[in-house]
Amino acid sequence: MVILSPKRVGAVFISFTEVWQLYRTDKRIQGYFGQTLKAYHIQVTLLIRYFGDIPMKDITKESLKLYLGKVTEVLKASSLCHRIRFIKSLFKWAQEEDYIKINPATTIKEPKAKFAVVIHHDVWRHKYKGKGKKNDT
């Protein structure tokens, strides 16, 4: 476990790894465990793999968008949405805890969900034409 000195935190030099350890601890206090924290750990590991374990203050809105643009090529929309929600949560938390001054993820939007409504023929017939009528063919 990393012990942070007040001087280091106050100077906003906290790295992704340090933020992750504090964020994870806070989430455990809030009752998060198991699969949720494992999924979060994967997300932060991917961020560190892309950016390096740099101070969070060095991340910009533009660098996050470039990162998300790159992963868009290989992720389904639902996975991209999960990644964006995690990033927004992590940076919002870091700002609220005064580990960063500016949240670069504030204006990042999730992609619009694409979905289709599929109604099975029997359900449509029962619900919209009336069940048991002779003319419901």
Protein backbone atom coordinates (compact mmCIF):
# COMPACT_ATOMS: atom_id res chain seq x y z
CA MET A 1 0.00 0.00 0.00
CA VAL A 2 1.25 3.46 -0.87
CA ILE A 3 1.37 6.01 1.93
CA LEU A 4 0.83 9.53 0.61
CA SER A 5 2.38 12.50 2.30
CA PRO A 6 0.16 15.59 2.63
CA LYS A 7 2.73 17.58 0.66
CA ARG A 8 2.56 15.19 -2.27
CA VAL A 9 -1.25 15.11 -2.32
CA GLY A 10 -1.49 18.86 -1.88
CA ALA A 11 0.83 19.37 -4.84
CA VAL A 12 -1.49 17.19 -6.97
CA PHE A 13 1.21 14.75 -8.10
CA ILE A 14 -0.87 11.68 -7.39
CA SER A 15 -0.49 8.88 -9.95
CA PHE A 16 -3.09 6.53 -11.39
CA THR A 17 -1.88 3.74 -9.10
CA GLU A 18 -2.16 5.92 -6.01
CA VAL A 19 -5.60 7.19 -7.02
CA TRP A 20 -6.75 3.66 -7.75
CA GLN A 21 -5.70 2.46 -4.30
CA LEU A 22 -7.57 5.30 -2.61
CA TYR A 23 -10.61 4.99 -4.91
CA ARG A 24 -10.80 1.23 -4.33
CA THR A 25 -10.59 1.75 -0.56
CA ASP A 26 -13.37 4.34 -0.71
CA LYS A 27 -15.55 2.02 -2.80
CA ARG A 28 -14.99 -0.82 -0.31
CA ILE A 29 -16.13 1.49 2.48
CA GLN A 30 -19.26 2.17 0.38
CA GLY A 31 -19.91 -1.58 0.13
CA TYR A 32 -18.47 -2.40 -3.31
CA PHE A 33 -16.77 -5.82 -3.53
CA GLY A 34 -16.11 -8.72 -5.83
CA GLN A 35 -16.87 -8.42 -9.52
CA THR A 36 -17.39 -4.65 -9.46
CA LEU A 37 -13.95 -3.96 -8.04
CA LYS A 38 -12.40 -6.52 -10.40
CA ALA A 39 -14.00 -4.75 -13.36
CA TYR A 40 -12.77 -1.39 -12.06
CA HIS A 41 -9.27 -2.83 -11.62
CA ILE A 42 -9.24 -3.97 -15.25
CA GLN A 43 -10.29 -0.51 -16.38
CA VAL A 44 -7.59 1.29 -14.39
CA THR A 45 -4.98 -1.22 -15.57
CA LEU A 46 -5.92 -0.42 -19.17
CA LEU A 47 -5.62 3.31 -18.47
CA ILE A 48 -2.16 2.82 -16.94
CA ARG A 49 -1.10 0.61 -19.85
CA TYR A 50 -2.08 3.37 -22.29
CA PHE A 51 -0.93 6.50 -20.41
CA GLY A 52 1.68 5.09 -18.06
CA ASP A 53 1.51 5.57 -14.30
CA ILE A 54 1.64 9.34 -14.65
CA PRO A 55 0.20 12.00 -12.36
CA MET A 56 -3.53 12.30 -12.99
CA LYS A 57 -3.16 16.06 -13.35
CA ASP A 58 -1.32 15.44 -16.64
CA ILE A 59 -4.38 13.86 -18.28
CA THR A 60 -6.35 16.22 -20.51
CA LYS A 61 -9.79 16.02 -22.07
CA GLU A 62 -8.10 15.65 -25.45
CA SER A 63 -5.86 12.80 -24.31
CA LEU A 64 -8.87 10.95 -22.88
CA LYS A 65 -10.76 11.43 -26.15
CA LEU A 66 -7.79 10.10 -28.14
CA TYR A 67 -7.65 7.07 -25.84
CA LEU A 68 -11.38 6.43 -26.17
CA GLY A 69 -11.20 6.96 -29.92
CA LYS A 70 -8.54 4.27 -30.16
CA VAL A 71 -10.41 1.72 -28.06
CA THR A 72 -13.63 2.43 -29.99
CA GLU A 73 -12.11 0.45 -32.85
CA VAL A 74 -12.16 -2.77 -30.81
CA LEU A 75 -15.00 -2.37 -28.29
CA LYS A 76 -18.71 -2.88 -28.57
CA ALA A 77 -20.80 0.15 -27.67
CA SER A 78 -21.81 -1.35 -24.32
CA SER A 79 -18.16 -1.97 -23.36
CA LEU A 80 -17.22 1.54 -24.42
CA CYS A 81 -20.05 2.94 -22.28
CA HIS A 82 -18.79 0.94 -19.29
CA ARG A 83 -15.28 2.26 -19.81
CA ILE A 84 -16.50 5.86 -20.09
CA ARG A 85 -18.64 5.55 -16.95
CA PHE A 86 -15.65 4.23 -15.02
CA ILE A 87 -13.36 7.01 -16.26
CA LYS A 88 -15.94 9.67 -15.41
CA SER A 89 -16.45 8.16 -11.95
CA LEU A 90 -12.73 7.90 -11.21
CA PHE A 91 -11.92 11.45 -12.29
CA LYS A 92 -14.99 12.92 -10.58
CA TRP A 93 -14.02 11.17 -7.36
CA ALA A 94 -10.40 12.36 -7.65
CA GLN A 95 -11.59 15.93 -8.11
CA GLU A 96 -14.06 15.73 -5.21
CA GLU A 97 -11.26 14.40 -3.00
CA ASP A 98 -8.95 17.25 -4.16
CA TYR A 99 -6.42 14.94 -5.80
CA ILE A 100 -6.88 16.81 -9.09
CA LYS A 101 -8.05 20.35 -9.69
CA ILE A 102 -9.67 19.90 -13.11
CA ASN A 103 -11.77 16.92 -14.18
CA PRO A 104 -10.94 16.23 -17.84
CA ALA A 105 -13.73 13.67 -18.14
CA THR A 106 -16.59 16.06 -17.33
CA THR A 107 -17.69 16.69 -20.91
CA ILE A 108 -17.05 13.20 -22.31
CA LYS A 109 -20.30 11.64 -23.48
CA GLU A 110 -21.30 8.02 -23.88
CA PRO A 111 -22.31 6.87 -27.35
CA LYS A 112 -26.02 6.69 -28.00
CA ALA A 113 -27.41 3.22 -27.45
CA LYS A 114 -28.50 1.37 -30.53
CA PHE A 115 -31.34 -1.04 -30.01
CA ALA A 116 -34.24 -2.54 -31.86
CA VAL A 117 -37.59 -3.55 -30.51
CA VAL A 118 -38.46 -7.06 -31.60
CA ILE A 119 -41.96 -8.30 -31.02
CA HIS A 120 -42.68 -11.92 -31.72
CA HIS A 121 -45.62 -12.45 -34.08
CA ASP A 122 -47.69 -14.32 -31.45
CA VAL A 123 -47.15 -11.55 -28.89
CA TRP A 124 -48.13 -8.88 -31.40
CA ARG A 125 -51.26 -10.83 -32.40
CA HIS A 126 -52.28 -11.36 -28.78
CA LYS A 127 -51.55 -7.84 -27.61
CA TYR A 128 -52.57 -5.72 -30.58
CA LYS A 129 -55.17 -7.65 -32.58
CA GLY A 130 -56.96 -9.48 -29.82
CA LYS A 131 -56.62 -13.10 -28.81
CA GLY A 132 -58.82 -15.71 -30.36
CA LYS A 133 -60.49 -13.64 -33.09
CA LYS A 134 -61.06 -15.41 -36.40
CA ASN A 135 -59.49 -12.62 -38.41
CA ASP A 136 -56.14 -12.61 -36.60
CA THR A 137 -54.16 -14.47 -39.23
